[in-house]
Amino acid sequence: MEGPFPLLVHDLGNRTDDCQTRFSISNQAVSTAAIHELKDYRCFESPQGWVLALDPASLHTFLWRPQDGQRISLPSPKHEFPRRCKCLLSDKTSSTSSCTVLVLDLDLPNLLACRIGGSQWDSYNYELTIFLADDKPREIHMAKLKGIAAVGGKVYYTRSRDTPSE
């Protein structure tokens, strides 16, 4: 792959060819090119700079780091990932870490999780309820919150009075 680093890779979703869109942070430029490692894969960028790749045909998954081409194999999930989702890593990726890959469904309060080095993807449904000043409960869809991050094995989110609730 050519071009200055760092960069983010983003899958356009409805591709008619084998190209991915790349945004170079250093050049602040967008380019579209075939990235051999991601050919035929759905790709989900993580805030940590890794790309989660899923082969829709075989459901084979792996993490790929564009900066140096490092690749970490993951098990195949039982089902295709949600059409609209967000990917987070819970920690630094290393052979000694307890990093978990999280795939949060943007339409339903569900998430998939797989520990690096683990043997399977686990699926979870969640309910997140906050109570407003008048003690009325309000369900929150965590994946839709803008201020969500995974750090040190925990998922954090921010919510303020100005944050829309869906």
Protein backbone atom coordinates (compact mmCIF):
# COMPACT_ATOMS: atom_id res chain seq x y z
CA MET A 1 0.00 0.00 0.00
CA GLU A 2 1.30 3.43 -0.88
CA GLY A 3 0.80 6.75 0.79
CA PRO A 4 1.79 8.53 3.96
CA PHE A 5 0.72 7.22 7.33
CA PRO A 6 -1.29 7.30 9.51
CA LEU A 7 -4.44 6.62 7.59
CA LEU A 8 -7.91 5.26 8.14
CA VAL A 9 -9.57 2.70 5.88
CA HIS A 10 -13.29 2.81 5.35
CA ASP A 11 -15.50 0.40 3.47
CA LEU A 12 -18.15 2.15 1.42
CA GLY A 13 -20.60 -0.70 1.98
CA ASN A 14 -22.14 -1.08 -1.49
CA ARG A 15 -18.99 -1.59 -3.50
CA THR A 16 -19.19 -2.59 -7.11
CA ASP A 17 -15.44 -3.12 -7.29
CA ASP A 18 -12.71 -4.18 -4.89
CA CYS A 19 -11.67 -0.71 -3.76
CA GLN A 20 -11.60 0.85 -0.33
CA THR A 21 -11.62 4.53 0.48
CA ARG A 22 -8.59 5.74 2.41
CA PHE A 23 -8.25 9.00 4.26
CA SER A 24 -4.70 10.14 4.89
CA ILE A 25 -4.58 12.12 8.11
CA SER A 26 -1.19 13.60 7.28
CA ASN A 27 -2.27 14.80 3.80
CA GLN A 28 -5.95 15.32 4.69
CA ALA A 29 -6.82 13.67 1.38
CA VAL A 30 -9.19 10.90 0.31
CA SER A 31 -8.18 8.26 -2.21
CA THR A 32 -9.80 5.10 -3.48
CA ALA A 33 -7.65 2.08 -4.23
CA ALA A 34 -7.65 -1.69 -3.97
CA ILE A 35 -6.08 -2.93 -0.77
CA HIS A 36 -5.15 -6.56 -1.38
CA GLU A 37 -5.45 -7.60 2.29
CA LEU A 38 -9.06 -6.41 2.40
CA LYS A 39 -10.28 -7.70 -0.96
CA ASP A 40 -13.82 -9.12 -0.65
CA TYR A 41 -14.05 -8.23 3.07
CA ARG A 42 -16.46 -5.94 4.91
CA CYS A 43 -14.29 -3.55 6.89
CA PHE A 44 -14.93 -1.73 10.15
CA GLU A 45 -12.38 0.77 11.41
CA SER A 46 -11.75 1.08 15.12
CA PRO A 47 -10.73 4.25 16.97
CA GLN A 48 -7.50 2.45 17.89
CA GLY A 49 -6.40 2.36 14.24
CA TRP A 50 -7.09 -1.32 13.56
CA VAL A 51 -9.51 -2.53 10.88
CA LEU A 52 -11.81 -5.46 11.60
CA ALA A 53 -12.33 -7.45 8.40
CA LEU A 54 -15.17 -9.93 7.82
CA ASP A 55 -15.47 -12.20 4.78
CA PRO A 56 -19.25 -12.31 4.14
CA ALA A 57 -19.00 -15.68 2.39
CA SER A 58 -16.94 -17.67 4.93
CA LEU A 59 -17.42 -15.38 7.97
CA HIS A 60 -13.64 -15.47 8.50
CA THR A 61 -12.52 -12.45 10.58
CA PHE A 62 -9.23 -10.78 11.38
CA LEU A 63 -7.83 -7.50 12.65
CA TRP A 64 -5.47 -5.62 10.33
CA ARG A 65 -3.28 -2.63 11.13
CA PRO A 66 -2.77 -0.39 8.06
CA GLN A 67 0.39 1.21 9.45
CA ASP A 68 2.50 -1.96 9.25
CA GLY A 69 0.25 -4.71 7.86
CA GLN A 70 0.13 -6.66 11.14
CA ARG A 71 -2.71 -9.17 11.11
CA ILE A 72 -4.41 -10.93 14.04
CA SER A 73 -6.68 -13.88 13.23
CA LEU A 74 -10.03 -14.11 14.98
CA PRO A 75 -12.59 -16.92 14.99
CA SER A 76 -15.53 -16.86 12.61
CA PRO A 77 -18.80 -15.58 14.10
CA LYS A 78 -21.90 -17.76 13.82
CA HIS A 79 -23.69 -15.05 11.81
CA GLU A 80 -22.86 -12.07 9.62
CA PHE A 81 -22.22 -8.83 11.51
CA PRO A 82 -25.09 -6.32 11.65
CA ARG A 83 -25.39 -4.20 8.53
CA ARG A 84 -24.79 -1.02 10.54
CA CYS A 85 -22.31 -1.40 13.37
CA LYS A 86 -19.40 0.17 15.22
CA CYS A 87 -16.15 -1.58 16.19
CA LEU A 88 -14.13 -0.94 19.37
CA LEU A 89 -11.11 -2.63 20.93
CA SER A 90 -11.16 -2.83 24.72
CA ASP A 91 -7.40 -2.54 25.22
CA LYS A 92 -4.04 -2.58 23.44
CA THR A 93 -3.58 -5.55 21.15
CA SER A 94 -0.68 -7.77 22.18
CA SER A 95 -0.10 -11.43 22.88
CA THR A 96 -0.28 -10.76 26.62
CA SER A 97 -3.27 -8.43 26.64
CA SER A 98 -6.83 -9.28 27.40
CA CYS A 99 -8.11 -7.19 24.51
CA THR A 100 -11.66 -7.85 23.37
CA VAL A 101 -13.04 -6.84 19.98
CA LEU A 102 -16.53 -5.36 20.33
CA VAL A 103 -19.01 -4.99 17.48
CA LEU A 104 -21.94 -2.80 18.53
CA ASP A 105 -25.13 -2.98 16.49
CA LEU A 106 -26.30 0.54 15.60
CA ASP A 107 -29.93 -0.52 15.11
CA LEU A 108 -30.55 -2.86 18.07
CA PRO A 109 -29.13 -2.92 21.61
CA ASN A 110 -26.89 -5.91 20.82
CA LEU A 111 -23.17 -6.42 20.74
CA LEU A 112 -20.76 -9.14 19.68
CA ALA A 113 -17.53 -9.69 21.59
CA CYS A 114 -14.44 -11.77 20.91
CA ARG A 115 -11.30 -11.89 23.03
CA ILE A 116 -8.11 -11.86 20.97
CA GLY A 117 -6.83 -15.42 21.17
CA GLY A 118 -10.35 -16.62 22.02
CA SER A 119 -12.22 -19.39 20.24
CA GLN A 120 -15.61 -17.76 19.58
CA TRP A 121 -17.67 -14.62 19.24
CA ASP A 122 -20.22 -14.14 22.02
CA SER A 123 -23.48 -12.26 21.51
CA TYR A 124 -25.08 -10.03 24.14
CA ASN A 125 -28.28 -8.03 24.38
CA TYR A 126 -28.22 -5.14 26.79
CA GLU A 127 -30.55 -2.67 28.42
CA LEU A 128 -29.15 0.64 29.50
CA THR A 129 -31.57 2.80 31.45
CA ILE A 130 -30.96 6.24 32.87
CA PHE A 131 -33.30 8.09 35.17
CA LEU A 132 -34.15 11.68 34.40
CA ALA A 133 -34.56 14.39 37.03
CA ASP A 134 -38.24 13.51 37.44
CA ASP A 135 -37.31 9.82 38.05
CA LYS A 136 -38.69 8.77 34.68
CA PRO A 137 -36.66 5.96 33.15
CA ARG A 138 -35.29 6.37 29.63
CA GLU A 139 -33.76 3.55 27.58
CA ILE A 140 -30.48 4.46 25.91
CA HIS A 141 -28.96 2.77 22.88
CA MET A 142 -25.29 2.84 23.89
CA ALA A 143 -23.89 2.24 20.38
CA LYS A 144 -25.53 5.43 19.08
CA LEU A 145 -23.82 7.64 21.64
CA LYS A 146 -21.03 9.76 20.17
CA GLY A 147 -18.83 9.63 23.25
CA ILE A 148 -18.30 5.88 23.55
CA ALA A 149 -14.86 4.34 24.06
CA ALA A 150 -13.35 1.12 25.30
CA VAL A 151 -10.29 1.52 27.55
CA GLY A 152 -8.52 -0.94 29.81
CA GLY A 153 -11.12 -3.65 29.30
CA LYS A 154 -14.12 -1.46 30.10
CA VAL A 155 -16.62 0.41 27.94
CA TYR A 156 -17.23 4.05 28.83
CA TYR A 157 -19.73 6.50 27.42
CA THR A 158 -20.57 10.09 28.04
CA ARG A 159 -24.02 11.48 28.37
CA SER A 160 -24.94 15.05 29.01
CA ARG A 161 -28.11 17.05 29.16
CA ASP A 162 -27.47 18.13 25.55
CA THR A 163 -26.97 14.58 24.22
CA PRO A 164 -30.04 13.45 22.27
CA SER A 165 -31.52 10.21 23.54
CA GLU A 166 -32.56 8.76 20.14
